[in-house]
Amino acid sequence: MNNLTRRNLITRGTAVTGALLFAGCSQSPAAAAAAAGPFEVRKTEAEWRHQLGPARYNILREGGTELPYTSPLLKEHRRGTFVCAGCALPLYSSTTKFDSGTGWPSFWQPLPRAVAESRDSTLGIVRREIHCRRCGGHLGHVFDDGPKPTGLRYCMDGLALAFHPA
């Protein structure tokens, strides 16, 4: 663990505990899709399972989450584009990525017309869930504690994304 400080231990411990307690408790994209209407990319659940594998399927199609600090994309700092792991739609420019200290890849702004938002109240609080606009895959959530210029933190599951270097 780099920079082993009391604050890092508390932050990481809280994030791991939260992820373990609430893994699998998010609204599924299938439920969001029913409310939002059809998406451009549609597949059967069997096709999604085959394409994505178990871990990515759990996140993108069932609204799960990965453990914090486990995504290789967390340390991805090259120039390029982060795309949806389900349909390859470009979602985030590397120029908007920042280290939020949360353990998940974070961005202060998506690319234009890349993501859709839905209301998620599965944990007893209202959160803003982020989906891929094209396939409806669950990507993560957006919070109002990010850096300027937007003040937003798009906290994304790394397994929901793939990276294409410039």
Protein backbone atom coordinates (compact mmCIF):
# COMPACT_ATOMS: atom_id res chain seq x y z
CA MET A 1 0.00 0.00 0.00
CA ASN A 2 1.56 3.31 -1.06
CA ASN A 3 1.40 6.34 1.23
CA LEU A 4 0.27 4.39 4.27
CA THR A 5 -1.35 7.06 6.42
CA ARG A 6 -4.19 6.98 8.89
CA ARG A 7 -6.42 8.86 6.43
CA ASN A 8 -5.67 6.38 3.60
CA LEU A 9 -6.38 3.43 5.88
CA ILE A 10 -9.68 4.91 7.02
CA THR A 11 -10.70 5.86 3.47
CA ARG A 12 -9.78 2.46 2.05
CA GLY A 13 -11.33 0.57 4.96
CA THR A 14 -14.58 2.49 4.61
CA ALA A 15 -14.64 1.96 0.84
CA VAL A 16 -13.98 -1.79 1.15
CA THR A 17 -16.60 -2.17 3.88
CA GLY A 18 -19.16 -0.25 1.83
CA ALA A 19 -18.43 -2.26 -1.30
CA LEU A 20 -18.76 -5.54 0.58
CA LEU A 21 -22.00 -4.49 2.28
CA PHE A 22 -23.66 -3.14 -0.82
CA ALA A 23 -22.26 -5.31 -3.62
CA GLY A 24 -25.12 -6.44 -5.78
CA CYS A 25 -27.62 -4.04 -4.16
CA SER A 26 -27.75 -1.55 -7.02
CA GLN A 27 -30.64 -1.22 -9.43
CA SER A 28 -30.07 -3.48 -12.41
CA PRO A 29 -29.66 -1.90 -15.83
CA ALA A 30 -32.46 -4.18 -17.00
CA ALA A 31 -34.80 -2.32 -14.64
CA ALA A 32 -33.42 1.03 -15.79
CA ALA A 33 -33.79 -0.05 -19.42
CA ALA A 34 -37.45 -0.87 -18.89
CA ALA A 35 -38.00 2.67 -17.60
CA ALA A 36 -35.81 4.37 -20.20
CA GLY A 37 -36.92 2.44 -23.27
CA PRO A 38 -34.91 0.41 -25.78
CA PHE A 39 -31.20 0.93 -26.37
CA GLU A 40 -29.34 0.88 -29.69
CA VAL A 41 -27.36 -2.22 -28.68
CA ARG A 42 -29.62 -5.02 -27.49
CA LYS A 43 -28.66 -8.60 -26.73
CA THR A 44 -30.16 -11.48 -24.85
CA GLU A 45 -28.90 -12.01 -21.33
CA ALA A 46 -27.18 -15.19 -22.56
CA GLU A 47 -25.35 -13.18 -25.24
CA TRP A 48 -24.28 -10.58 -22.65
CA ARG A 49 -23.06 -13.31 -20.28
CA HIS A 50 -21.02 -14.93 -23.05
CA GLN A 51 -19.50 -11.64 -24.23
CA LEU A 52 -18.73 -10.10 -20.85
CA GLY A 53 -17.80 -12.96 -18.54
CA PRO A 54 -19.03 -13.19 -14.92
CA ALA A 55 -17.38 -10.12 -13.33
CA ARG A 56 -18.20 -7.65 -16.11
CA TYR A 57 -21.69 -9.09 -16.50
CA ASN A 58 -22.33 -8.54 -12.77
CA ILE A 59 -21.36 -4.88 -13.07
CA LEU A 60 -22.71 -3.89 -16.49
CA ARG A 61 -25.91 -5.91 -16.54
CA GLU A 62 -26.75 -6.46 -12.85
CA GLY A 63 -25.54 -3.15 -11.39
CA GLY A 64 -22.87 -4.70 -9.17
CA THR A 65 -19.56 -3.13 -8.23
CA GLU A 66 -15.94 -4.14 -8.01
CA LEU A 67 -13.85 -3.90 -4.88
CA PRO A 68 -12.07 -0.55 -4.58
CA TYR A 69 -8.43 -0.33 -5.64
CA THR A 70 -8.71 -3.49 -7.79
CA SER A 71 -9.13 -1.96 -11.27
CA PRO A 72 -6.03 -1.74 -13.45
CA LEU A 73 -7.65 1.36 -14.99
CA LEU A 74 -7.24 3.17 -11.68
CA LYS A 75 -3.57 3.71 -12.52
CA GLU A 76 -4.11 4.30 -16.25
CA HIS A 77 -2.62 7.72 -17.01
CA ARG A 78 -1.89 7.56 -20.75
CA ARG A 79 -3.67 9.79 -23.25
CA GLY A 80 -6.67 8.09 -24.77
CA THR A 81 -10.34 7.26 -24.39
CA PHE A 82 -12.22 5.14 -21.88
CA VAL A 83 -14.99 3.19 -23.64
CA CYS A 84 -17.90 1.02 -22.55
CA ALA A 85 -16.74 -2.57 -22.03
CA GLY A 86 -20.14 -3.72 -23.31
CA CYS A 87 -20.43 -1.90 -26.62
CA ALA A 88 -17.20 0.14 -27.07
CA LEU A 89 -18.98 3.53 -27.07
CA PRO A 90 -16.43 6.25 -26.18
CA LEU A 91 -17.41 7.55 -22.71
CA TYR A 92 -14.59 9.59 -21.12
CA SER A 93 -11.48 11.38 -22.33
CA SER A 94 -8.33 10.72 -20.33
CA THR A 95 -8.04 14.50 -19.93
CA THR A 96 -11.02 14.44 -17.52
CA LYS A 97 -9.71 11.61 -15.32
CA PHE A 98 -8.52 12.46 -11.80
CA ASP A 99 -7.47 10.66 -8.63
CA SER A 100 -10.46 10.92 -6.30
CA GLY A 101 -8.92 8.72 -3.61
CA THR A 102 -12.01 6.50 -3.63
CA GLY A 103 -10.46 3.44 -5.28
CA TRP A 104 -12.47 3.65 -8.50
CA PRO A 105 -11.58 5.47 -11.76
CA SER A 106 -13.09 8.94 -11.57
CA PHE A 107 -13.81 11.60 -14.17
CA TRP A 108 -15.14 15.14 -13.95
CA GLN A 109 -17.06 14.99 -17.24
CA PRO A 110 -18.25 12.40 -19.79
CA LEU A 111 -17.97 12.86 -23.53
CA PRO A 112 -21.03 14.50 -25.17
CA ARG A 113 -24.05 12.17 -25.53
CA ALA A 114 -22.11 9.24 -24.02
CA VAL A 115 -23.96 8.48 -20.80
CA ALA A 116 -27.49 8.41 -19.46
CA GLU A 117 -28.55 8.97 -15.88
CA SER A 118 -31.22 7.32 -13.75
CA ARG A 119 -32.41 7.55 -10.17
CA ASP A 120 -31.08 4.84 -7.85
CA SER A 121 -32.61 4.55 -4.38
CA THR A 122 -31.66 0.95 -3.62
CA LEU A 123 -29.53 1.82 -0.56
CA GLY A 124 -32.22 3.91 1.08
CA ILE A 125 -30.66 7.10 -0.32
CA VAL A 126 -31.13 8.68 -3.72
CA ARG A 127 -28.08 8.45 -5.96
CA ARG A 128 -27.54 9.31 -9.62
CA GLU A 129 -26.70 6.10 -11.48
CA ILE A 130 -24.76 6.37 -14.74
CA HIS A 131 -25.37 4.07 -17.71
CA CYS A 132 -23.92 3.73 -21.16
CA ARG A 133 -26.29 5.60 -23.47
CA ARG A 134 -25.98 3.00 -26.23
CA CYS A 135 -26.28 -0.37 -24.41
CA GLY A 136 -27.67 0.63 -21.00
CA GLY A 137 -24.77 -0.95 -19.12
CA HIS A 138 -24.31 0.17 -15.50
CA LEU A 139 -21.09 2.20 -15.22
CA GLY A 140 -21.23 3.68 -11.71
CA HIS A 141 -22.61 6.81 -10.05
CA VAL A 142 -22.06 10.57 -10.21
CA PHE A 143 -21.56 12.74 -7.12
CA ASP A 144 -21.36 16.50 -6.52
CA ASP A 145 -17.92 16.45 -4.85
CA GLY A 146 -15.61 16.55 -7.86
CA PRO A 147 -13.05 19.10 -9.02
CA LYS A 148 -13.54 22.19 -11.15
CA PRO A 149 -14.70 22.99 -13.73
CA THR A 150 -17.82 20.80 -13.25
CA GLY A 151 -17.67 19.97 -9.55
CA LEU A 152 -18.77 16.42 -10.47
CA ARG A 153 -17.18 13.04 -9.73
CA TYR A 154 -18.20 10.30 -12.14
CA CYS A 155 -17.14 7.31 -10.02
CA MET A 156 -16.95 4.42 -12.49
CA ASP A 157 -16.36 0.70 -12.11
CA GLY A 158 -13.14 -0.08 -13.98
CA LEU A 159 -14.52 -3.39 -15.26
CA ALA A 160 -17.34 -1.47 -16.94
CA LEU A 161 -14.73 0.33 -19.02
CA ALA A 162 -11.96 -0.47 -21.48
CA PHE A 163 -9.13 1.87 -22.41
CA HIS A 164 -8.04 2.79 -25.95
CA PRO A 165 -4.72 4.67 -25.97
CA ALA A 166 -4.38 7.66 -28.30
